[in-house]
Amino acid sequence: MGKTIKIDYKKIGGQIAEIQKIASSKKWLFFYDNDLDSLYYSPKKIKPEFSLLSLSNEFSIYVDGQSNIGGVFIEYYKANLGAHEKAFRPFINLFTKKIDNGKTAPVGKSAVTLQLSETIKAELLSNIITRNTSECQITIPA
């Protein structure tokens, strides 16, 4: 059984608009999971109070019960998003620094990772704007 939480899309949209500030203050990192073809823009470890909220087929955000975002999860990053979305193609081969458990990270901080963050922000805002409600209750699977 999942848990029901109230989602404030207006609040989430405001946070997405400031995603670089949040990422910096919360020490988010980019890392890519080769085995799952998934891109994360989040802390290394997601706190247990955050649940995954799907915004589209590829994009999800980690959100808590107060509609605070705790990270971004992108599914099928290379095979689907990078292959079919022109805006994401320049970032496909960005992740070359091996870290742990089959994951890779971009080498150093650069203007390219800032561009990727901006591209993700634009896509997330587009997904939030297309929602026709500012608040709703949803059940997130446990």
N, C-alpha and C. Protein backbone atom coordinates (compact mmCIF):
# COMPACT_ATOMS: atom_id res chain seq x y z
N MET A 1 0.84 -1.18 0.00
CA MET A 1 0.00 0.00 0.00
C MET A 1 0.89 1.24 0.00
N GLY A 2 0.51 2.20 -0.78
CA GLY A 2 1.27 3.44 -0.88
C GLY A 2 0.85 4.44 0.18
N LYS A 3 1.50 5.59 0.13
CA LYS A 3 1.13 6.67 1.04
C LYS A 3 0.54 7.80 0.22
N THR A 4 -0.45 8.48 0.81
CA THR A 4 -1.10 9.59 0.14
C THR A 4 -0.50 10.89 0.65
N ILE A 5 -0.07 11.72 -0.29
CA ILE A 5 0.46 13.02 0.08
C ILE A 5 -0.18 14.09 -0.80
N LYS A 6 -0.25 15.29 -0.28
CA LYS A 6 -0.77 16.42 -1.02
C LYS A 6 0.39 17.04 -1.80
N ILE A 7 0.20 17.18 -3.09
CA ILE A 7 1.23 17.75 -3.96
C ILE A 7 0.81 19.16 -4.36
N ASP A 8 1.69 20.11 -4.12
CA ASP A 8 1.47 21.50 -4.51
C ASP A 8 2.35 21.77 -5.72
N TYR A 9 1.75 21.67 -6.92
CA TYR A 9 2.52 21.82 -8.15
C TYR A 9 3.05 23.25 -8.32
N LYS A 10 2.34 24.23 -7.78
CA LYS A 10 2.82 25.61 -7.86
C LYS A 10 4.12 25.75 -7.06
N LYS A 11 4.17 25.16 -5.88
CA LYS A 11 5.38 25.20 -5.06
C LYS A 11 6.52 24.45 -5.76
N ILE A 12 6.20 23.30 -6.31
CA ILE A 12 7.21 22.51 -7.01
C ILE A 12 7.75 23.29 -8.20
N GLY A 13 6.86 23.95 -8.95
CA GLY A 13 7.30 24.75 -10.09
C GLY A 13 8.26 25.86 -9.68
N GLY A 14 7.98 26.51 -8.55
CA GLY A 14 8.88 27.55 -8.05
C GLY A 14 10.24 26.99 -7.69
N GLN A 15 10.26 25.79 -7.12
CA GLN A 15 11.53 25.16 -6.77
C GLN A 15 12.31 24.75 -8.02
N ILE A 16 11.60 24.24 -9.00
CA ILE A 16 12.27 23.85 -10.25
C ILE A 16 12.89 25.07 -10.91
N ALA A 17 12.21 26.21 -10.86
CA ALA A 17 12.75 27.43 -11.44
C ALA A 17 14.06 27.84 -10.76
N GLU A 18 14.26 27.40 -9.53
CA GLU A 18 15.47 27.72 -8.76
C GLU A 18 16.33 26.46 -8.54
N ILE A 19 16.26 25.52 -9.46
CA ILE A 19 16.87 24.21 -9.24
C ILE A 19 18.38 24.27 -9.02
N GLN A 20 19.08 25.19 -9.69
CA GLN A 20 20.53 25.27 -9.48
C GLN A 20 20.86 25.71 -8.06
N LYS A 21 20.10 26.65 -7.52
CA LYS A 21 20.33 27.11 -6.13
C LYS A 21 20.07 25.96 -5.15
N ILE A 22 18.98 25.24 -5.37
CA ILE A 22 18.65 24.10 -4.49
C ILE A 22 19.73 23.03 -4.61
N ALA A 23 20.12 22.72 -5.82
CA ALA A 23 21.15 21.69 -6.05
C ALA A 23 22.46 22.07 -5.37
N SER A 24 22.82 23.33 -5.44
CA SER A 24 24.05 23.79 -4.81
C SER A 24 23.96 23.72 -3.29
N SER A 25 22.86 24.20 -2.74
CA SER A 25 22.73 24.22 -1.27
C SER A 25 22.56 22.82 -0.68
N LYS A 26 21.96 21.92 -1.43
CA LYS A 26 21.72 20.55 -0.94
C LYS A 26 22.79 19.57 -1.41
N LYS A 27 23.80 20.10 -2.13
CA LYS A 27 24.93 19.29 -2.61
C LYS A 27 24.50 18.15 -3.55
N TRP A 28 23.64 18.50 -4.50
CA TRP A 28 23.24 17.54 -5.51
C TRP A 28 24.40 17.31 -6.49
N LEU A 29 24.43 16.12 -7.04
CA LEU A 29 25.42 15.73 -8.04
C LEU A 29 24.71 15.14 -9.24
N PHE A 30 25.36 15.18 -10.37
CA PHE A 30 24.91 14.41 -11.52
C PHE A 30 25.60 13.07 -11.48
N PHE A 31 24.88 11.99 -11.65
CA PHE A 31 25.51 10.71 -11.89
C PHE A 31 24.59 9.84 -12.73
N TYR A 32 25.22 9.02 -13.54
CA TYR A 32 24.53 8.18 -14.50
C TYR A 32 24.74 6.72 -14.12
N ASP A 33 23.66 5.95 -14.07
CA ASP A 33 23.73 4.53 -13.79
C ASP A 33 23.70 3.78 -15.11
N ASN A 34 24.85 3.20 -15.47
CA ASN A 34 24.98 2.50 -16.76
C ASN A 34 24.05 1.30 -16.86
N ASP A 35 23.88 0.57 -15.77
CA ASP A 35 23.06 -0.64 -15.80
C ASP A 35 21.58 -0.33 -16.01
N LEU A 36 21.11 0.75 -15.42
CA LEU A 36 19.69 1.11 -15.50
C LEU A 36 19.39 2.15 -16.58
N ASP A 37 20.42 2.70 -17.22
CA ASP A 37 20.28 3.79 -18.18
C ASP A 37 19.48 4.93 -17.56
N SER A 38 19.87 5.31 -16.34
CA SER A 38 19.16 6.34 -15.59
C SER A 38 20.13 7.44 -15.17
N LEU A 39 19.66 8.67 -15.25
CA LEU A 39 20.43 9.82 -14.83
C LEU A 39 19.81 10.37 -13.55
N TYR A 40 20.66 10.69 -12.60
CA TYR A 40 20.23 11.27 -11.33
C TYR A 40 20.84 12.66 -11.18
N TYR A 41 20.06 13.58 -10.69
CA TYR A 41 20.54 14.91 -10.31
C TYR A 41 20.01 15.08 -8.89
N SER A 42 20.82 14.67 -7.94
CA SER A 42 20.34 14.53 -6.57
C SER A 42 21.52 14.37 -5.62
N PRO A 43 21.22 14.33 -4.31
CA PRO A 43 22.29 13.93 -3.39
C PRO A 43 22.66 12.47 -3.67
N LYS A 44 23.83 12.05 -3.20
CA LYS A 44 24.22 10.65 -3.39
C LYS A 44 23.21 9.69 -2.79
N LYS A 45 22.65 10.08 -1.66
CA LYS A 45 21.66 9.23 -0.99
C LYS A 45 20.38 10.04 -0.78
N ILE A 46 19.28 9.52 -1.27
CA ILE A 46 17.98 10.17 -1.11
C ILE A 46 17.45 9.85 0.28
N LYS A 47 17.00 10.87 0.99
CA LYS A 47 16.45 10.68 2.32
C LYS A 47 15.14 9.89 2.23
N PRO A 48 14.84 9.08 3.25
CA PRO A 48 13.65 8.21 3.19
C PRO A 48 12.32 8.95 3.12
N GLU A 49 12.27 10.22 3.51
CA GLU A 49 11.00 10.94 3.45
C GLU A 49 10.62 11.36 2.02
N PHE A 50 11.53 11.16 1.08
CA PHE A 50 11.25 11.51 -0.31
C PHE A 50 10.75 10.30 -1.08
N SER A 51 9.73 10.54 -1.92
CA SER A 51 9.18 9.52 -2.80
C SER A 51 9.29 10.00 -4.23
N LEU A 52 9.30 9.07 -5.15
CA LEU A 52 9.42 9.40 -6.57
C LEU A 52 8.05 9.76 -7.14
N LEU A 53 7.97 10.94 -7.75
CA LEU A 53 6.74 11.43 -8.38
C LEU A 53 7.01 11.54 -9.88
N SER A 54 6.29 10.77 -10.67
CA SER A 54 6.47 10.77 -12.12
C SER A 54 5.80 12.00 -12.73
N LEU A 55 6.55 12.73 -13.57
CA LEU A 55 6.01 13.88 -14.27
C LEU A 55 5.78 13.58 -15.75
N SER A 56 6.49 12.58 -16.28
CA SER A 56 6.33 12.17 -17.67
C SER A 56 6.90 10.75 -17.79
N ASN A 57 6.97 10.25 -19.01
CA ASN A 57 7.52 8.90 -19.20
C ASN A 57 8.96 8.79 -18.74
N GLU A 58 9.75 9.86 -18.91
CA GLU A 58 11.16 9.81 -18.55
C GLU A 58 11.49 10.53 -17.25
N PHE A 59 10.79 11.62 -16.96
CA PHE A 59 11.15 12.50 -15.85
C PHE A 59 10.32 12.25 -14.59
N SER A 60 11.05 12.14 -13.49
CA SER A 60 10.43 12.04 -12.17
C SER A 60 11.23 12.93 -11.22
N ILE A 61 10.57 13.34 -10.15
CA ILE A 61 11.27 14.09 -9.12
C ILE A 61 11.04 13.39 -7.79
N TYR A 62 12.00 13.56 -6.90
CA TYR A 62 11.84 13.10 -5.53
C TYR A 62 11.15 14.23 -4.78
N VAL A 63 10.06 13.90 -4.09
CA VAL A 63 9.27 14.90 -3.40
C VAL A 63 8.88 14.38 -2.01
N ASP A 64 8.82 15.30 -1.04
CA ASP A 64 8.38 14.90 0.30
C ASP A 64 6.94 15.34 0.53
N GLY A 65 6.41 15.11 1.71
CA GLY A 65 5.02 15.42 2.05
C GLY A 65 4.69 16.90 2.06
N GLN A 66 5.70 17.76 2.03
CA GLN A 66 5.48 19.21 1.99
C GLN A 66 5.77 19.78 0.59
N SER A 67 5.83 18.91 -0.39
CA SER A 67 6.10 19.28 -1.78
C SER A 67 7.47 19.92 -1.98
N ASN A 68 8.44 19.51 -1.18
CA ASN A 68 9.82 19.93 -1.39
C ASN A 68 10.48 18.92 -2.31
N ILE A 69 11.25 19.42 -3.28
CA ILE A 69 11.92 18.48 -4.17
C ILE A 69 13.29 18.10 -3.59
N GLY A 70 13.63 16.84 -3.77
CA GLY A 70 14.88 16.32 -3.23
C GLY A 70 15.78 15.70 -4.27
N GLY A 71 15.44 15.88 -5.55
CA GLY A 71 16.27 15.34 -6.61
C GLY A 71 15.46 15.07 -7.86
N VAL A 72 16.17 14.74 -8.92
CA VAL A 72 15.57 14.45 -10.22
C VAL A 72 16.06 13.08 -10.67
N PHE A 73 15.15 12.32 -11.27
CA PHE A 73 15.47 11.00 -11.81
C PHE A 73 14.99 10.97 -13.26
N ILE A 74 15.88 10.60 -14.17
CA ILE A 74 15.53 10.51 -15.59
C ILE A 74 15.77 9.08 -16.04
N GLU A 75 14.69 8.45 -16.48
CA GLU A 75 14.72 7.05 -16.90
C GLU A 75 15.04 6.97 -18.40
N TYR A 76 15.72 5.91 -18.81
CA TYR A 76 16.07 5.67 -20.21
C TYR A 76 16.79 6.89 -20.81
N TYR A 77 17.78 7.35 -20.08
CA TYR A 77 18.46 8.60 -20.44
C TYR A 77 19.12 8.55 -21.82
N LYS A 78 19.96 7.57 -22.06
CA LYS A 78 20.66 7.51 -23.35
C LYS A 78 19.80 6.87 -24.43
N ALA A 79 19.17 5.75 -24.12
CA ALA A 79 18.45 4.98 -25.12
C ALA A 79 17.22 5.70 -25.66
N ASN A 80 16.58 6.52 -24.84
CA ASN A 80 15.36 7.17 -25.29
C ASN A 80 15.53 8.69 -25.35
N LEU A 81 15.74 9.29 -24.21
CA LEU A 81 15.79 10.75 -24.16
C LEU A 81 16.92 11.31 -25.02
N GLY A 82 18.12 10.83 -24.82
CA GLY A 82 19.25 11.32 -25.58
C GLY A 82 19.17 11.00 -27.06
N ALA A 83 18.57 9.87 -27.38
CA ALA A 83 18.46 9.45 -28.78
C ALA A 83 17.37 10.21 -29.53
N HIS A 84 16.33 10.64 -28.82
CA HIS A 84 15.18 11.22 -29.50
C HIS A 84 14.95 12.71 -29.23
N GLU A 85 15.54 13.25 -28.21
CA GLU A 85 15.33 14.66 -27.87
C GLU A 85 16.60 15.46 -28.18
N LYS A 86 16.49 16.32 -29.17
CA LYS A 86 17.64 17.09 -29.65
C LYS A 86 18.33 17.85 -28.52
N ALA A 87 17.58 18.40 -27.58
CA ALA A 87 18.15 19.21 -26.50
C ALA A 87 19.09 18.40 -25.60
N PHE A 88 18.89 17.08 -25.53
CA PHE A 88 19.70 16.25 -24.64
C PHE A 88 20.86 15.54 -25.35
N ARG A 89 20.91 15.56 -26.64
CA ARG A 89 21.97 14.87 -27.38
C ARG A 89 23.38 15.32 -27.00
N PRO A 90 23.63 16.62 -26.80
CA PRO A 90 25.00 17.03 -26.47
C PRO A 90 25.53 16.47 -25.15
N PHE A 91 24.65 15.95 -24.33
CA PHE A 91 25.05 15.50 -23.00
C PHE A 91 25.18 13.99 -22.86
N ILE A 92 24.96 13.26 -23.94
CA ILE A 92 24.97 11.79 -23.89
C ILE A 92 26.30 11.24 -23.39
N ASN A 93 27.39 11.78 -23.88
CA ASN A 93 28.71 11.23 -23.53
C ASN A 93 29.43 12.05 -22.47
N LEU A 94 28.69 12.80 -21.70
CA LEU A 94 29.26 13.65 -20.66
C LEU A 94 29.78 12.86 -19.46
N PHE A 95 29.21 11.70 -19.23
CA PHE A 95 29.47 10.94 -18.00
C PHE A 95 30.56 9.89 -18.24
N THR A 96 31.79 10.26 -17.91
CA THR A 96 32.93 9.39 -18.18
C THR A 96 33.75 9.04 -16.94
N LYS A 97 33.56 9.76 -15.85
CA LYS A 97 34.32 9.50 -14.62
C LYS A 97 33.65 8.37 -13.84
N LYS A 98 34.35 7.23 -13.73
CA LYS A 98 33.77 6.09 -13.02
C LYS A 98 33.75 6.38 -11.51
N ILE A 99 32.58 6.12 -10.92
CA ILE A 99 32.48 6.22 -9.47
C ILE A 99 32.16 4.83 -8.96
N ASP A 100 31.12 4.61 -8.22
CA ASP A 100 30.87 3.29 -7.65
C ASP A 100 29.66 2.58 -8.27
N ASN A 101 29.67 1.26 -8.19
CA ASN A 101 28.55 0.41 -8.59
C ASN A 101 28.03 0.66 -10.00
N GLY A 102 28.93 0.77 -10.97
CA GLY A 102 28.51 0.95 -12.36
C GLY A 102 28.00 2.33 -12.70
N LYS A 103 28.26 3.30 -11.83
CA LYS A 103 27.81 4.66 -12.07
C LYS A 103 28.97 5.51 -12.56
N THR A 104 28.62 6.52 -13.35
CA THR A 104 29.62 7.46 -13.84
C THR A 104 29.14 8.88 -13.57
N ALA A 105 30.09 9.80 -13.53
CA ALA A 105 29.79 11.20 -13.27
C ALA A 105 30.50 12.04 -14.33
N PRO A 106 30.06 13.29 -14.50
CA PRO A 106 30.80 14.15 -15.42
C PRO A 106 32.16 14.48 -14.81
N VAL A 107 33.14 14.70 -15.65
CA VAL A 107 34.48 15.04 -15.18
C VAL A 107 34.48 16.53 -14.82
N GLY A 108 34.67 16.83 -13.54
CA GLY A 108 34.74 18.22 -13.08
C GLY A 108 33.43 18.97 -13.25
N LYS A 109 33.41 20.19 -12.73
CA LYS A 109 32.25 21.06 -12.92
C LYS A 109 32.55 21.95 -14.11
N SER A 110 31.56 22.11 -14.97
CA SER A 110 31.81 22.88 -16.17
C SER A 110 30.55 23.58 -16.64
N ALA A 111 30.73 24.38 -17.65
CA ALA A 111 29.59 25.06 -18.27
C ALA A 111 28.63 24.04 -18.87
N VAL A 112 29.16 22.88 -19.26
CA VAL A 112 28.31 21.85 -19.87
C VAL A 112 27.33 21.28 -18.85
N THR A 113 27.77 21.05 -17.61
CA THR A 113 26.84 20.55 -16.59
C THR A 113 25.81 21.61 -16.24
N LEU A 114 26.20 22.88 -16.28
CA LEU A 114 25.24 23.95 -16.07
C LEU A 114 24.20 23.96 -17.19
N GLN A 115 24.64 23.75 -18.41
CA GLN A 115 23.71 23.67 -19.54
C GLN A 115 22.76 22.49 -19.38
N LEU A 116 23.29 21.35 -18.93
CA LEU A 116 22.44 20.18 -18.69
C LEU A 116 21.40 20.49 -17.63
N SER A 117 21.81 21.15 -16.56
CA SER A 117 20.88 21.53 -15.50
C SER A 117 19.78 22.45 -16.05
N GLU A 118 20.15 23.39 -16.89
CA GLU A 118 19.17 24.30 -17.50
C GLU A 118 18.21 23.54 -18.42
N THR A 119 18.73 22.58 -19.16
CA THR A 119 17.90 21.78 -20.06
C THR A 119 16.91 20.93 -19.27
N ILE A 120 17.37 20.35 -18.18
CA ILE A 120 16.49 19.57 -17.30
C ILE A 120 15.43 20.48 -16.70
N LYS A 121 15.84 21.65 -16.24
CA LYS A 121 14.90 22.61 -15.65
C LYS A 121 13.79 22.95 -16.65
N ALA A 122 14.16 23.24 -17.89
CA ALA A 122 13.17 23.58 -18.92
C ALA A 122 12.18 22.44 -19.14
N GLU A 123 12.69 21.22 -19.19
CA GLU A 123 11.82 20.06 -19.40
C GLU A 123 10.89 19.84 -18.21
N LEU A 124 11.42 19.98 -16.99
CA LEU A 124 10.59 19.81 -15.80
C LEU A 124 9.52 20.89 -15.72
N LEU A 125 9.89 22.14 -16.00
CA LEU A 125 8.89 23.22 -15.97
C LEU A 125 7.81 22.99 -17.01
N SER A 126 8.19 22.50 -18.18
CA SER A 126 7.22 22.18 -19.21
C SER A 126 6.23 21.13 -18.72
N ASN A 127 6.74 20.12 -18.02
CA ASN A 127 5.87 19.07 -17.48
C ASN A 127 4.95 19.59 -16.39
N ILE A 128 5.44 20.49 -15.56
CA ILE A 128 4.62 21.06 -14.47
C ILE A 128 3.54 21.96 -15.06
N ILE A 129 3.90 22.78 -16.04
CA ILE A 129 2.95 23.72 -16.64
C ILE A 129 1.80 22.99 -17.32
N THR A 130 2.07 21.85 -17.91
CA THR A 130 1.01 21.12 -18.61
C THR A 130 0.03 20.43 -17.66
N ARG A 131 0.36 20.38 -16.40
CA ARG A 131 -0.58 19.83 -15.42
C ARG A 131 -1.68 20.88 -15.22
N ASN A 132 -2.93 20.47 -15.16
CA ASN A 132 -4.02 21.42 -15.09
C ASN A 132 -4.52 21.66 -13.67
N THR A 133 -3.68 21.46 -12.70
CA THR A 133 -4.05 21.68 -11.32
C THR A 133 -2.86 22.24 -10.55
N SER A 134 -3.13 23.05 -9.54
CA SER A 134 -2.03 23.56 -8.74
C SER A 134 -1.81 22.70 -7.49
N GLU A 135 -2.86 22.00 -7.07
CA GLU A 135 -2.74 21.10 -5.92
C GLU A 135 -3.55 19.84 -6.19
N CYS A 136 -3.09 18.74 -5.67
CA CYS A 136 -3.84 17.50 -5.73
C CYS A 136 -3.31 16.54 -4.69
N GLN A 137 -4.06 15.51 -4.42
CA GLN A 137 -3.57 14.45 -3.56
C GLN A 137 -3.28 13.26 -4.43
N ILE A 138 -2.15 12.63 -4.19
CA ILE A 138 -1.79 11.45 -4.95
C ILE A 138 -1.33 10.36 -3.99
N THR A 139 -1.42 9.14 -4.46
CA THR A 139 -0.88 8.02 -3.71
C THR A 139 0.39 7.57 -4.39
N ILE A 140 1.47 7.59 -3.65
CA ILE A 140 2.76 7.18 -4.18
C ILE A 140 3.02 5.76 -3.69
N PRO A 141 3.36 4.85 -4.61
CA PRO A 141 3.64 3.47 -4.18
C PRO A 141 4.74 3.42 -3.13
N ALA A 142 4.56 2.52 -2.18
CA ALA A 142 5.55 2.38 -1.11
C ALA A 142 6.80 1.71 -1.61
